[in-house]
Amino acid sequence: MSSQTARAEELLREERERLVRQLAELGAAETGELRSDLDFGGSFADAGAVTAERTEVLGLVESLKSQVDDIDRALERIEEGLYGICAGCGNEIPPARLEAIPATILCVDCKNKGVTL
């Protein structure tokens, strides 16, 4: 493993821990599931505010979970020895892109084409 890849792995693991902590602060598990005991308030008069707050929390949780998933995919590629190789076309991902977005598994061209995995 190159020193760049080792550094990327370290950064990815740190970012993953930070995101998982944020999920916990929002009352969600690492899987994105909200705790069953999470209370947004229950008074009828505040139903609109509760719905808005719950919707906002769910959106944040979804975003954080998506970021965790991206990091997990990048970490899997590191373990497989494929980090830095585009999962879409098989070309090398430029180092500048990996430095800017360590969790990326797609080159710019594949990302712009809307390649999904």
PDB file of N, CA and C in Angstrom:
ATOM      1  N   MET A   1       0.861  -1.180   0.000  1.00  0.00           N
ATOM      2  CA  MET A   1       0.000   0.000   0.000  1.00  0.00           C
ATOM      3  C   MET A   1       0.902   1.235   0.000  1.00  0.00           C
ATOM      4  N   SER A   2       0.619   2.155  -0.896  1.00  0.00           N
ATOM      5  CA  SER A   2       1.425   3.373  -0.984  1.00  0.00           C
ATOM      6  C   SER A   2       1.147   4.271   0.219  1.00  0.00           C
ATOM      7  N   SER A   3       2.044   5.203   0.450  1.00  0.00           N
ATOM      8  CA  SER A   3       1.852   6.132   1.563  1.00  0.00           C
ATOM      9  C   SER A   3       0.623   7.013   1.328  1.00  0.00           C
ATOM     10  N   GLN A   4       0.349   7.337   0.051  1.00  0.00           N
ATOM     11  CA  GLN A   4      -0.856   8.120  -0.265  1.00  0.00           C
ATOM     12  C   GLN A   4      -2.119   7.342   0.084  1.00  0.00           C
ATOM     13  N   THR A   5      -2.119   6.064  -0.243  1.00  0.00           N
ATOM     14  CA  THR A   5      -3.287   5.236   0.050  1.00  0.00           C
ATOM     15  C   THR A   5      -3.445   5.056   1.551  1.00  0.00           C
ATOM     16  N   ALA A   6      -2.334   4.863   2.255  1.00  0.00           N
ATOM     17  CA  ALA A   6      -2.391   4.722   3.713  1.00  0.00           C
ATOM     18  C   ALA A   6      -2.934   5.994   4.355  1.00  0.00           C
ATOM     19  N   ARG A   7      -2.498   7.146   3.841  1.00  0.00           N
ATOM     20  CA  ARG A   7      -2.993   8.429   4.367  1.00  0.00           C
ATOM     21  C   ARG A   7      -4.481   8.583   4.057  1.00  0.00           C
ATOM     22  N   ALA A   8      -4.886   8.200   2.861  1.00  0.00           N
ATOM     23  CA  ALA A   8      -6.302   8.277   2.495  1.00  0.00           C
ATOM     24  C   ALA A   8      -7.131   7.383   3.412  1.00  0.00           C
ATOM     25  N   GLU A   9      -6.630   6.180   3.695  1.00  0.00           N
ATOM     26  CA  GLU A   9      -7.355   5.278   4.581  1.00  0.00           C
ATOM     27  C   GLU A   9      -7.513   5.891   5.968  1.00  0.00           C
ATOM     28  N   GLU A  10      -6.456   6.493   6.462  1.00  0.00           N
ATOM     29  CA  GLU A  10      -6.509   7.141   7.778  1.00  0.00           C
ATOM     30  C   GLU A  10      -7.557   8.257   7.784  1.00  0.00           C
ATOM     31  N   LEU A  11      -7.535   9.096   6.752  1.00  0.00           N
ATOM     32  CA  LEU A  11      -8.510  10.187   6.649  1.00  0.00           C
ATOM     33  C   LEU A  11      -9.938   9.665   6.534  1.00  0.00           C
ATOM     34  N   LEU A  12     -10.113   8.617   5.745  1.00  0.00           N
ATOM     35  CA  LEU A  12     -11.445   8.040   5.573  1.00  0.00           C
ATOM     36  C   LEU A  12     -11.972   7.467   6.886  1.00  0.00           C
ATOM     37  N   ARG A  13     -11.126   6.775   7.620  1.00  0.00           N
ATOM     38  CA  ARG A  13     -11.557   6.195   8.905  1.00  0.00           C
ATOM     39  C   ARG A  13     -11.907   7.295   9.916  1.00  0.00           C
ATOM     40  N   GLU A  14     -11.109   8.368   9.939  1.00  0.00           N
ATOM     41  CA  GLU A  14     -11.405   9.491  10.831  1.00  0.00           C
ATOM     42  C   GLU A  14     -12.727  10.144  10.457  1.00  0.00           C
ATOM     43  N   GLU A  15     -12.942  10.355   9.175  1.00  0.00           N
ATOM     44  CA  GLU A  15     -14.187  10.967   8.710  1.00  0.00           C
ATOM     45  C   GLU A  15     -15.376  10.067   9.012  1.00  0.00           C
ATOM     46  N   ARG A  16     -15.193   8.774   8.854  1.00  0.00           N
ATOM     47  CA  ARG A  16     -16.268   7.826   9.151  1.00  0.00           C
ATOM     48  C   ARG A  16     -16.669   7.908  10.618  1.00  0.00           C
ATOM     49  N   GLU A  17     -15.674   7.953  11.498  1.00  0.00           N
ATOM     50  CA  GLU A  17     -15.950   8.067  12.937  1.00  0.00           C
ATOM     51  C   GLU A  17     -16.718   9.352  13.237  1.00  0.00           C
ATOM     52  N   ARG A  18     -16.303  10.455  12.597  1.00  0.00           N
ATOM     53  CA  ARG A  18     -16.977  11.731  12.816  1.00  0.00           C
ATOM     54  C   ARG A  18     -18.440  11.661  12.363  1.00  0.00           C
ATOM     55  N   LEU A  19     -18.682  11.055  11.205  1.00  0.00           N
ATOM     56  CA  LEU A  19     -20.042  10.934  10.689  1.00  0.00           C
ATOM     57  C   LEU A  19     -20.908  10.041  11.574  1.00  0.00           C
ATOM     58  N   VAL A  20     -20.339   8.946  12.064  1.00  0.00           N
ATOM     59  CA  VAL A  20     -21.088   8.043  12.947  1.00  0.00           C
ATOM     60  C   VAL A  20     -21.445   8.758  14.252  1.00  0.00           C
ATOM     61  N   ARG A  21     -20.530   9.596  14.749  1.00  0.00           N
ATOM     62  CA  ARG A  21     -20.837  10.390  15.951  1.00  0.00           C
ATOM     63  C   ARG A  21     -21.986  11.356  15.674  1.00  0.00           C
ATOM     64  N   GLN A  22     -21.976  11.969  14.499  1.00  0.00           N
ATOM     65  CA  GLN A  22     -23.065  12.881  14.141  1.00  0.00           C
ATOM     66  C   GLN A  22     -24.396  12.138  14.046  1.00  0.00           C
ATOM     67  N   LEU A  23     -24.364  10.946  13.480  1.00  0.00           N
ATOM     68  CA  LEU A  23     -25.587  10.138  13.425  1.00  0.00           C
ATOM     69  C   LEU A  23     -26.106   9.874  14.835  1.00  0.00           C
ATOM     70  N   ALA A  24     -25.209   9.516  15.737  1.00  0.00           N
ATOM     71  CA  ALA A  24     -25.606   9.230  17.120  1.00  0.00           C
ATOM     72  C   ALA A  24     -26.196  10.475  17.777  1.00  0.00           C
ATOM     73  N   GLU A  25     -25.609  11.632  17.511  1.00  0.00           N
ATOM     74  CA  GLU A  25     -26.125  12.877  18.081  1.00  0.00           C
ATOM     75  C   GLU A  25     -27.537  13.182  17.574  1.00  0.00           C
ATOM     76  N   LEU A  26     -27.845  12.731  16.384  1.00  0.00           N
ATOM     77  CA  LEU A  26     -29.185  12.929  15.826  1.00  0.00           C
ATOM     78  C   LEU A  26     -30.159  11.838  16.267  1.00  0.00           C
ATOM     79  N   GLY A  27     -29.652  10.870  17.024  1.00  0.00           N
ATOM     80  CA  GLY A  27     -30.513   9.791  17.499  1.00  0.00           C
ATOM     81  C   GLY A  27     -30.628   8.646  16.523  1.00  0.00           C
ATOM     82  N   ALA A  28     -29.626   8.489  15.656  1.00  0.00           N
ATOM     83  CA  ALA A  28     -29.664   7.419  14.660  1.00  0.00           C
ATOM     84  C   ALA A  28     -28.505   6.463  14.866  1.00  0.00           C
ATOM     85  N   ALA A  29     -28.746   5.223  14.503  1.00  0.00           N
ATOM     86  CA  ALA A  29     -27.698   4.208  14.528  1.00  0.00           C
ATOM     87  C   ALA A  29     -26.818   4.379  13.299  1.00  0.00           C
ATOM     88  N   GLU A  30     -25.718   3.680  13.274  1.00  0.00           N
ATOM     89  CA  GLU A  30     -24.809   3.704  12.131  1.00  0.00           C
ATOM     90  C   GLU A  30     -25.515   3.286  10.843  1.00  0.00           C
ATOM     91  N   THR A  31     -26.537   2.477  10.969  1.00  0.00           N
ATOM     92  CA  THR A  31     -27.304   2.005   9.820  1.00  0.00           C
ATOM     93  C   THR A  31     -28.256   3.069   9.267  1.00  0.00           C
ATOM     94  N   GLY A  32     -28.411   4.167  10.012  1.00  0.00           N
ATOM     95  CA  GLY A  32     -29.334   5.216   9.610  1.00  0.00           C
ATOM     96  C   GLY A  32     -30.702   5.101  10.253  1.00  0.00           C
ATOM     97  N   GLU A  33     -30.913   4.029  10.986  1.00  0.00           N
ATOM     98  CA  GLU A  33     -32.199   3.845  11.663  1.00  0.00           C
ATOM     99  C   GLU A  33     -32.280   4.758  12.883  1.00  0.00           C
ATOM    100  N   LEU A  34     -33.429   5.444  13.040  1.00  0.00           N
ATOM    101  CA  LEU A  34     -33.630   6.279  14.216  1.00  0.00           C
ATOM    102  C   LEU A  34     -33.948   5.411  15.422  1.00  0.00           C
ATOM    103  N   ARG A  35     -33.455   5.845  16.586  1.00  0.00           N
ATOM    104  CA  ARG A  35     -33.780   5.118  17.823  1.00  0.00           C
ATOM    105  C   ARG A  35     -35.279   5.155  18.042  1.00  0.00           C
ATOM    106  N   SER A  36     -35.818   4.077  18.551  1.00  0.00           N
ATOM    107  CA  SER A  36     -37.264   4.003  18.767  1.00  0.00           C
ATOM    108  C   SER A  36     -37.716   4.920  19.894  1.00  0.00           C
ATOM    109  N   ASP A  37     -36.807   5.283  20.805  1.00  0.00           N
ATOM    110  CA  ASP A  37     -37.178   6.135  21.933  1.00  0.00           C
ATOM    111  C   ASP A  37     -37.013   7.625  21.624  1.00  0.00           C
ATOM    112  N   LEU A  38     -36.691   7.954  20.392  1.00  0.00           N
ATOM    113  CA  LEU A  38     -36.484   9.344  20.007  1.00  0.00           C
ATOM    114  C   LEU A  38     -37.822  10.074  20.034  1.00  0.00           C
ATOM    115  N   ASP A  39     -37.880  11.189  20.751  1.00  0.00           N
ATOM    116  CA  ASP A  39     -39.126  11.925  20.927  1.00  0.00           C
ATOM    117  C   ASP A  39     -38.991  13.309  20.321  1.00  0.00           C
ATOM    118  N   PHE A  40     -39.841  13.631  19.384  1.00  0.00           N
ATOM    119  CA  PHE A  40     -39.849  14.947  18.768  1.00  0.00           C
ATOM    120  C   PHE A  40     -40.915  15.846  19.391  1.00  0.00           C
ATOM    121  N   GLY A  41     -41.520  15.388  20.457  1.00  0.00           N
ATOM    122  CA  GLY A  41     -42.609  16.136  21.088  1.00  0.00           C
ATOM    123  C   GLY A  41     -43.922  15.592  20.582  1.00  0.00           C
ATOM    124  N   GLY A  42     -44.951  15.691  21.390  1.00  0.00           N
ATOM    125  CA  GLY A  42     -46.172  15.045  20.967  1.00  0.00           C
ATOM    126  C   GLY A  42     -47.414  15.882  21.070  1.00  0.00           C
ATOM    127  N   SER A  43     -47.304  17.137  21.409  1.00  0.00           N
ATOM    128  CA  SER A  43     -48.519  17.910  21.578  1.00  0.00           C
ATOM    129  C   SER A  43     -49.162  18.202  20.228  1.00  0.00           C
ATOM    130  N   PHE A  44     -50.466  18.158  20.215  1.00  0.00           N
ATOM    131  CA  PHE A  44     -51.223  18.371  18.983  1.00  0.00           C
ATOM    132  C   PHE A  44     -50.935  19.749  18.387  1.00  0.00           C
ATOM    133  N   ALA A  45     -50.788  20.744  19.239  1.00  0.00           N
ATOM    134  CA  ALA A  45     -50.572  22.112  18.762  1.00  0.00           C
ATOM    135  C   ALA A  45     -49.243  22.246  18.034  1.00  0.00           C
ATOM    136  N   ASP A  46     -48.292  21.393  18.371  1.00  0.00           N
ATOM    137  CA  ASP A  46     -46.972  21.466  17.760  1.00  0.00           C
ATOM    138  C   ASP A  46     -46.776  20.440  16.652  1.00  0.00           C
ATOM    139  N   ALA A  47     -47.839  19.840  16.182  1.00  0.00           N
ATOM    140  CA  ALA A  47     -47.716  18.755  15.200  1.00  0.00           C
ATOM    141  C   ALA A  47     -46.971  19.188  13.947  1.00  0.00           C
ATOM    142  N   GLY A  48     -47.226  20.377  13.461  1.00  0.00           N
ATOM    143  CA  GLY A  48     -46.538  20.868  12.263  1.00  0.00           C
ATOM    144  C   GLY A  48     -45.055  21.053  12.517  1.00  0.00           C
ATOM    145  N   ALA A  49     -44.715  21.617  13.665  1.00  0.00           N
ATOM    146  CA  ALA A  49     -43.307  21.818  14.017  1.00  0.00           C
ATOM    147  C   ALA A  49     -42.603  20.482  14.201  1.00  0.00           C
ATOM    148  N   VAL A  50     -43.297  19.532  14.815  1.00  0.00           N
ATOM    149  CA  VAL A  50     -42.725  18.201  15.031  1.00  0.00           C
ATOM    150  C   VAL A  50     -42.467  17.516  13.694  1.00  0.00           C
ATOM    151  N   THR A  51     -43.416  17.615  12.793  1.00  0.00           N
ATOM    152  CA  THR A  51     -43.257  17.013  11.472  1.00  0.00           C
ATOM    153  C   THR A  51     -42.086  17.642  10.730  1.00  0.00           C
ATOM    154  N   ALA A  52     -41.974  18.956  10.803  1.00  0.00           N
ATOM    155  CA  ALA A  52     -40.877  19.658  10.139  1.00  0.00           C
ATOM    156  C   ALA A  52     -39.531  19.242  10.738  1.00  0.00           C
ATOM    157  N   GLU A  53     -39.468  19.172  12.053  1.00  0.00           N
ATOM    158  CA  GLU A  53     -38.217  18.780  12.712  1.00  0.00           C
ATOM    159  C   GLU A  53     -37.848  17.346  12.356  1.00  0.00           C
ATOM    160  N   ARG A  54     -38.816  16.463  12.396  1.00  0.00           N
ATOM    161  CA  ARG A  54     -38.559  15.057  12.071  1.00  0.00           C
ATOM    162  C   ARG A  54     -38.081  14.929  10.619  1.00  0.00           C
ATOM    163  N   THR A  55     -38.716  15.665   9.713  1.00  0.00           N
ATOM    164  CA  THR A  55     -38.318  15.637   8.310  1.00  0.00           C
ATOM    165  C   THR A  55     -36.888  16.135   8.144  1.00  0.00           C
ATOM    166  N   GLU A  56     -36.544  17.198   8.853  1.00  0.00           N
ATOM    167  CA  GLU A  56     -35.188  17.730   8.792  1.00  0.00           C
ATOM    168  C   GLU A  56     -34.172  16.719   9.322  1.00  0.00           C
ATOM    169  N   VAL A  57     -34.478  16.097  10.443  1.00  0.00           N
ATOM    170  CA  VAL A  57     -33.577  15.098  11.022  1.00  0.00           C
ATOM    171  C   VAL A  57     -33.425  13.913  10.071  1.00  0.00           C
ATOM    172  N   LEU A  58     -34.529  13.455   9.499  1.00  0.00           N
ATOM    173  CA  LEU A  58     -34.457  12.334   8.566  1.00  0.00           C
ATOM    174  C   LEU A  58     -33.590  12.678   7.351  1.00  0.00           C
ATOM    175  N   GLY A  59     -33.702  13.902   6.853  1.00  0.00           N
ATOM    176  CA  GLY A  59     -32.871  14.335   5.731  1.00  0.00           C
ATOM    177  C   GLY A  59     -31.396  14.359   6.092  1.00  0.00           C
ATOM    178  N   LEU A  60     -31.093  14.871   7.276  1.00  0.00           N
ATOM    179  CA  LEU A  60     -29.703  14.892   7.738  1.00  0.00           C
ATOM    180  C   LEU A  60     -29.159  13.482   7.914  1.00  0.00           C
ATOM    181  N   VAL A  61     -29.953  12.617   8.509  1.00  0.00           N
ATOM    182  CA  VAL A  61     -29.538  11.231   8.716  1.00  0.00           C
ATOM    183  C   VAL A  61     -29.273  10.554   7.378  1.00  0.00           C
ATOM    184  N   GLU A  62     -30.164  10.764   6.418  1.00  0.00           N
ATOM    185  CA  GLU A  62     -29.996  10.165   5.088  1.00  0.00           C
ATOM    186  C   GLU A  62     -28.692  10.629   4.436  1.00  0.00           C
ATOM    187  N   SER A  63     -28.412  11.915   4.547  1.00  0.00           N
ATOM    188  CA  SER A  63     -27.190  12.474   3.975  1.00  0.00           C
ATOM    189  C   SER A  63     -25.945  11.901   4.647  1.00  0.00           C
ATOM    190  N   LEU A  64     -25.963  11.855   5.975  1.00  0.00           N
ATOM    191  CA  LEU A  64     -24.816  11.312   6.715  1.00  0.00           C
ATOM    192  C   LEU A  64     -24.614   9.829   6.399  1.00  0.00           C
ATOM    193  N   LYS A  65     -25.707   9.078   6.329  1.00  0.00           N
ATOM    194  CA  LYS A  65     -25.621   7.644   6.018  1.00  0.00           C
ATOM    195  C   LYS A  65     -25.052   7.443   4.621  1.00  0.00           C
ATOM    196  N   SER A  66     -25.448   8.270   3.684  1.00  0.00           N
ATOM    197  CA  SER A  66     -24.927   8.177   2.330  1.00  0.00           C
ATOM    198  C   SER A  66     -23.413   8.413   2.319  1.00  0.00           C
ATOM    199  N   GLN A  67     -22.967   9.381   3.102  1.00  0.00           N
ATOM    200  CA  GLN A  67     -21.535   9.660   3.189  1.00  0.00           C
ATOM    201  C   GLN A  67     -20.782   8.484   3.821  1.00  0.00           C
ATOM    202  N   VAL A  68     -21.371   7.870   4.847  1.00  0.00           N
ATOM    203  CA  VAL A  68     -20.757   6.689   5.469  1.00  0.00           C
ATOM    204  C   VAL A  68     -20.662   5.561   4.442  1.00  0.00           C
ATOM    205  N   ASP A  69     -21.714   5.378   3.663  1.00  0.00           N
ATOM    206  CA  ASP A  69     -21.707   4.336   2.632  1.00  0.00           C
ATOM    207  C   ASP A  69     -20.605   4.580   1.599  1.00  0.00           C
ATOM    208  N   ASP A  70     -20.442   5.852   1.194  1.00  0.00           N
ATOM    209  CA  ASP A  70     -19.379   6.190   0.244  1.00  0.00           C
ATOM    210  C   ASP A  70     -18.008   5.858   0.820  1.00  0.00           C
ATOM    211  N   ILE A  71     -17.809   6.188   2.072  1.00  0.00           N
ATOM    212  CA  ILE A  71     -16.535   5.902   2.729  1.00  0.00           C
ATOM    213  C   ILE A  71     -16.320   4.396   2.821  1.00  0.00           C
ATOM    214  N   ASP A  72     -17.358   3.668   3.172  1.00  0.00           N
ATOM    215  CA  ASP A  72     -17.234   2.206   3.265  1.00  0.00           C
ATOM    216  C   ASP A  72     -16.837   1.598   1.926  1.00  0.00           C
ATOM    217  N   ARG A  73     -17.412   2.112   0.838  1.00  0.00           N
ATOM    218  CA  ARG A  73     -17.049   1.606  -0.487  1.00  0.00           C
ATOM    219  C   ARG A  73     -15.578   1.908  -0.796  1.00  0.00           C
ATOM    220  N   ALA A  74     -15.129   3.103  -0.447  1.00  0.00           N
ATOM    221  CA  ALA A  74     -13.723   3.463  -0.678  1.00  0.00           C
ATOM    222  C   ALA A  74     -12.795   2.591   0.167  1.00  0.00           C
ATOM    223  N   LEU A  75     -13.170   2.326   1.418  1.00  0.00           N
ATOM    224  CA  LEU A  75     -12.349   1.466   2.283  1.00  0.00           C
ATOM    225  C   LEU A  75     -12.300   0.037   1.742  1.00  0.00           C
ATOM    226  N   GLU A  76     -13.414  -0.439   1.201  1.00  0.00           N
ATOM    227  CA  GLU A  76     -13.427  -1.771   0.575  1.00  0.00           C
ATOM    228  C   GLU A  76     -12.459  -1.810  -0.603  1.00  0.00           C
ATOM    229  N   ARG A  77     -12.438  -0.733  -1.395  1.00  0.00           N
ATOM    230  CA  ARG A  77     -11.531  -0.683  -2.546  1.00  0.00           C
ATOM    231  C   ARG A  77     -10.077  -0.662  -2.084  1.00  0.00           C
ATOM    232  N   ILE A  78      -9.802  -0.023  -0.965  1.00  0.00           N
ATOM    233  CA  ILE A  78      -8.440  -0.044  -0.410  1.00  0.00           C
ATOM    234  C   ILE A  78      -8.064  -1.465  -0.052  1.00  0.00           C
ATOM    235  N   GLU A  79      -8.961  -2.168   0.660  1.00  0.00           N
ATOM    236  CA  GLU A  79      -8.695  -3.555   1.068  1.00  0.00           C
ATOM    237  C   GLU A  79      -8.486  -4.462  -0.145  1.00  0.00           C
ATOM    238  N   GLU A  80      -9.209  -4.183  -1.228  1.00  0.00           N
ATOM    239  CA  GLU A  80      -9.114  -4.998  -2.443  1.00  0.00           C
ATOM    240  C   GLU A  80      -7.922  -4.608  -3.319  1.00  0.00           C
ATOM    241  N   GLY A  81      -7.228  -3.534  -2.931  1.00  0.00           N
ATOM    242  CA  GLY A  81      -6.106  -3.059  -3.737  1.00  0.00           C
ATOM    243  C   GLY A  81      -6.544  -2.294  -4.963  1.00  0.00           C
ATOM    244  N   LEU A  82      -7.768  -1.785  -4.959  1.00  0.00           N
ATOM    245  CA  LEU A  82      -8.322  -1.092  -6.125  1.00  0.00           C
ATOM    246  C   LEU A  82      -8.521   0.400  -5.905  1.00  0.00           C
ATOM    247  N   TYR A  83      -8.065   0.906  -4.771  1.00  0.00           N
ATOM    248  CA  TYR A  83      -8.248   2.332  -4.494  1.00  0.00           C
ATOM    249  C   TYR A  83      -7.488   3.151  -5.530  1.00  0.00           C
ATOM    250  N   GLY A  84      -8.157   4.156  -6.071  1.00  0.00           N
ATOM    251  CA  GLY A  84      -7.543   5.001  -7.078  1.00  0.00           C
ATOM    252  C   GLY A  84      -7.830   4.550  -8.496  1.00  0.00           C
ATOM    253  N   ILE A  85      -8.529   3.423  -8.627  1.00  0.00           N
ATOM    254  CA  ILE A  85      -8.955   2.913  -9.932  1.00  0.00           C
ATOM    255  C   ILE A  85     -10.463   3.127 -10.019  1.00  0.00           C
ATOM    256  N   CYS A  86     -10.904   3.767 -11.084  1.00  0.00           N
ATOM    257  CA  CYS A  86     -12.320   4.075 -11.252  1.00  0.00           C
ATOM    258  C   CYS A  86     -13.148   2.790 -11.316  1.00  0.00           C
ATOM    259  N   ALA A  87     -14.177   2.715 -10.485  1.00  0.00           N
ATOM    260  CA  ALA A  87     -15.063   1.550 -10.467  1.00  0.00           C
ATOM    261  C   ALA A  87     -15.965   1.505 -11.688  1.00  0.00           C
ATOM    262  N   GLY A  88     -16.037   2.615 -12.425  1.00  0.00           N
ATOM    263  CA  GLY A  88     -16.872   2.654 -13.623  1.00  0.00           C
ATOM    264  C   GLY A  88     -16.150   2.217 -14.875  1.00  0.00           C
ATOM    265  N   CYS A  89     -14.987   2.815 -15.124  1.00  0.00           N
ATOM    266  CA  CYS A  89     -14.285   2.558 -16.389  1.00  0.00           C
ATOM    267  C   CYS A  89     -12.953   1.830 -16.226  1.00  0.00           C
ATOM    268  N   GLY A  90     -12.441   1.761 -15.006  1.00  0.00           N
ATOM    269  CA  GLY A  90     -11.182   1.065 -14.767  1.00  0.00           C
ATOM    270  C   GLY A  90      -9.942   1.916 -14.964  1.00  0.00           C
ATOM    271  N   ASN A  91     -10.128   3.184 -15.320  1.00  0.00           N
ATOM    272  CA  ASN A  91      -8.985   4.083 -15.470  1.00  0.00           C
ATOM    273  C   ASN A  91      -8.545   4.602 -14.098  1.00  0.00           C
ATOM    274  N   GLU A  92      -7.334   5.129 -14.063  1.00  0.00           N
ATOM    275  CA  GLU A  92      -6.819   5.700 -12.821  1.00  0.00           C
ATOM    276  C   GLU A  92      -7.570   6.987 -12.496  1.00  0.00           C
ATOM    277  N   ILE A  93      -7.906   7.145 -11.225  1.00  0.00           N
ATOM    278  CA  ILE A  93      -8.515   8.388 -10.754  1.00  0.00           C
ATOM    279  C   ILE A  93      -7.360   9.338 -10.445  1.00  0.00           C
ATOM    280  N   PRO A  94      -7.365  10.533 -11.011  1.00  0.00           N
ATOM    281  CA  PRO A  94      -6.260  11.466 -10.768  1.00  0.00           C
ATOM    282  C   PRO A  94      -6.040  11.717  -9.273  1.00  0.00           C
ATOM    283  N   PRO A  95      -4.777  11.767  -8.856  1.00  0.00           N
ATOM    284  CA  PRO A  95      -4.465  11.998  -7.436  1.00  0.00           C
ATOM    285  C   PRO A  95      -5.116  13.259  -6.870  1.00  0.00           C
ATOM    286  N   ALA A  96      -5.225  14.309  -7.670  1.00  0.00           N
ATOM    287  CA  ALA A  96      -5.850  15.543  -7.184  1.00  0.00           C
ATOM    288  C   ALA A  96      -7.311  15.304  -6.805  1.00  0.00           C
ATOM    289  N   ARG A  97      -8.009  14.468  -7.586  1.00  0.00           N
ATOM    290  CA  ARG A  97      -9.410  14.156  -7.261  1.00  0.00           C
ATOM    291  C   ARG A  97      -9.491  13.350  -5.975  1.00  0.00           C
ATOM    292  N   LEU A  98      -8.590  12.383  -5.824  1.00  0.00           N
ATOM    293  CA  LEU A  98      -8.580  11.576  -4.603  1.00  0.00           C
ATOM    294  C   LEU A  98      -8.237  12.425  -3.384  1.00  0.00           C
ATOM    295  N   GLU A  99      -7.362  13.395  -3.575  1.00  0.00           N
ATOM    296  CA  GLU A  99      -7.010  14.272  -2.470  1.00  0.00           C
ATOM    297  C   GLU A  99      -8.203  15.145  -2.081  1.00  0.00           C
ATOM    298  N   ALA A 100      -8.914  15.631  -3.071  1.00  0.00           N
ATOM    299  CA  ALA A 100     -10.076  16.488  -2.816  1.00  0.00           C
ATOM    300  C   ALA A 100     -11.258  15.703  -2.266  1.00  0.00           C
ATOM    301  N   ILE A 101     -11.463  14.494  -2.797  1.00  0.00           N
ATOM    302  CA  ILE A 101     -12.613  13.660  -2.396  1.00  0.00           C
ATOM    303  C   ILE A 101     -12.099  12.240  -2.150  1.00  0.00           C
ATOM    304  N   PRO A 102     -11.513  11.987  -0.977  1.00  0.00           N
ATOM    305  CA  PRO A 102     -10.910  10.671  -0.713  1.00  0.00           C
ATOM    306  C   PRO A 102     -11.883   9.497  -0.834  1.00  0.00           C
ATOM    307  N   ALA A 103     -13.175   9.738  -0.644  1.00  0.00           N
ATOM    308  CA  ALA A 103     -14.150   8.646  -0.698  1.00  0.00           C
ATOM    309  C   ALA A 103     -14.610   8.321  -2.114  1.00  0.00           C
ATOM    310  N   THR A 104     -14.129   9.056  -3.103  1.00  0.00           N
ATOM    311  CA  THR A 104     -14.604   8.816  -4.468  1.00  0.00           C
ATOM    312  C   THR A 104     -14.090   7.477  -5.001  1.00  0.00           C
ATOM    313  N   ILE A 105     -14.932   6.823  -5.762  1.00  0.00           N
ATOM    314  CA  ILE A 105     -14.526   5.589  -6.442  1.00  0.00           C
ATOM    315  C   ILE A 105     -14.729   5.725  -7.945  1.00  0.00           C
ATOM    316  N   LEU A 106     -15.104   6.941  -8.370  1.00  0.00           N
ATOM    317  CA  LEU A 106     -15.337   7.221  -9.787  1.00  0.00           C
ATOM    318  C   LEU A 106     -14.457   8.369 -10.254  1.00  0.00           C
ATOM    319  N   CYS A 107     -13.978   8.267 -11.484  1.00  0.00           N
ATOM    320  CA  CYS A 107     -13.258   9.385 -12.093  1.00  0.00           C
ATOM    321  C   CYS A 107     -14.275  10.467 -12.440  1.00  0.00           C
ATOM    322  N   VAL A 108     -13.797  11.638 -12.796  1.00  0.00           N
ATOM    323  CA  VAL A 108     -14.675  12.754 -13.126  1.00  0.00           C
ATOM    324  C   VAL A 108     -15.592  12.409 -14.293  1.00  0.00           C
ATOM    325  N   ASP A 109     -15.035  11.774 -15.335  1.00  0.00           N
ATOM    326  CA  ASP A 109     -15.852  11.445 -16.504  1.00  0.00           C
ATOM    327  C   ASP A 109     -17.016  10.529 -16.134  1.00  0.00           C
ATOM    328  N   CYS A 110     -16.746   9.482 -15.379  1.00  0.00           N
ATOM    329  CA  CYS A 110     -17.826   8.559 -14.988  1.00  0.00           C
ATOM    330  C   CYS A 110     -18.834   9.238 -14.070  1.00  0.00           C
ATOM    331  N   LYS A 111     -18.354  10.080 -13.158  1.00  0.00           N
ATOM    332  CA  LYS A 111     -19.254  10.807 -12.275  1.00  0.00           C
ATOM    333  C   LYS A 111     -20.160  11.724 -13.101  1.00  0.00           C
ATOM    334  N   ASN A 112     -19.574  12.427 -14.071  1.00  0.00           N
ATOM    335  CA  ASN A 112     -20.366  13.333 -14.920  1.00  0.00           C
ATOM    336  C   ASN A 112     -21.349  12.584 -15.809  1.00  0.00           C
ATOM    337  N   LYS A 113     -21.019  11.357 -16.179  1.00  0.00           N
ATOM    338  CA  LYS A 113     -21.924  10.530 -16.991  1.00  0.00           C
ATOM    339  C   LYS A 113     -23.066   9.956 -16.152  1.00  0.00           C
ATOM    340  N   GLY A 114     -22.966  10.117 -14.831  1.00  0.00           N
ATOM    341  CA  GLY A 114     -24.013   9.604 -13.944  1.00  0.00           C
ATOM    342  C   GLY A 114     -23.874   8.126 -13.632  1.00  0.00           C
ATOM    343  N   VAL A 115     -22.654   7.581 -13.783  1.00  0.00           N
ATOM    344  CA  VAL A 115     -22.418   6.176 -13.451  1.00  0.00           C
ATOM    345  C   VAL A 115     -22.737   5.979 -11.970  1.00  0.00           C
ATOM    346  N   THR A 116     -23.544   4.976 -11.682  1.00  0.00           N
ATOM    347  CA  THR A 116     -23.876   4.642 -10.292  1.00  0.00           C
ATOM    348  C   THR A 116     -23.495   3.193 -10.028  1.00  0.00           C
ATOM    349  N   LEU A 117     -23.132   2.956  -8.802  1.00  0.00           N
ATOM    350  CA  LEU A 117     -22.737   1.597  -8.408  1.00  0.00           C
ATOM    351  C   LEU A 117     -23.488   1.151  -7.189  1.00  0.00           C
TER     352      LEU A 117
END
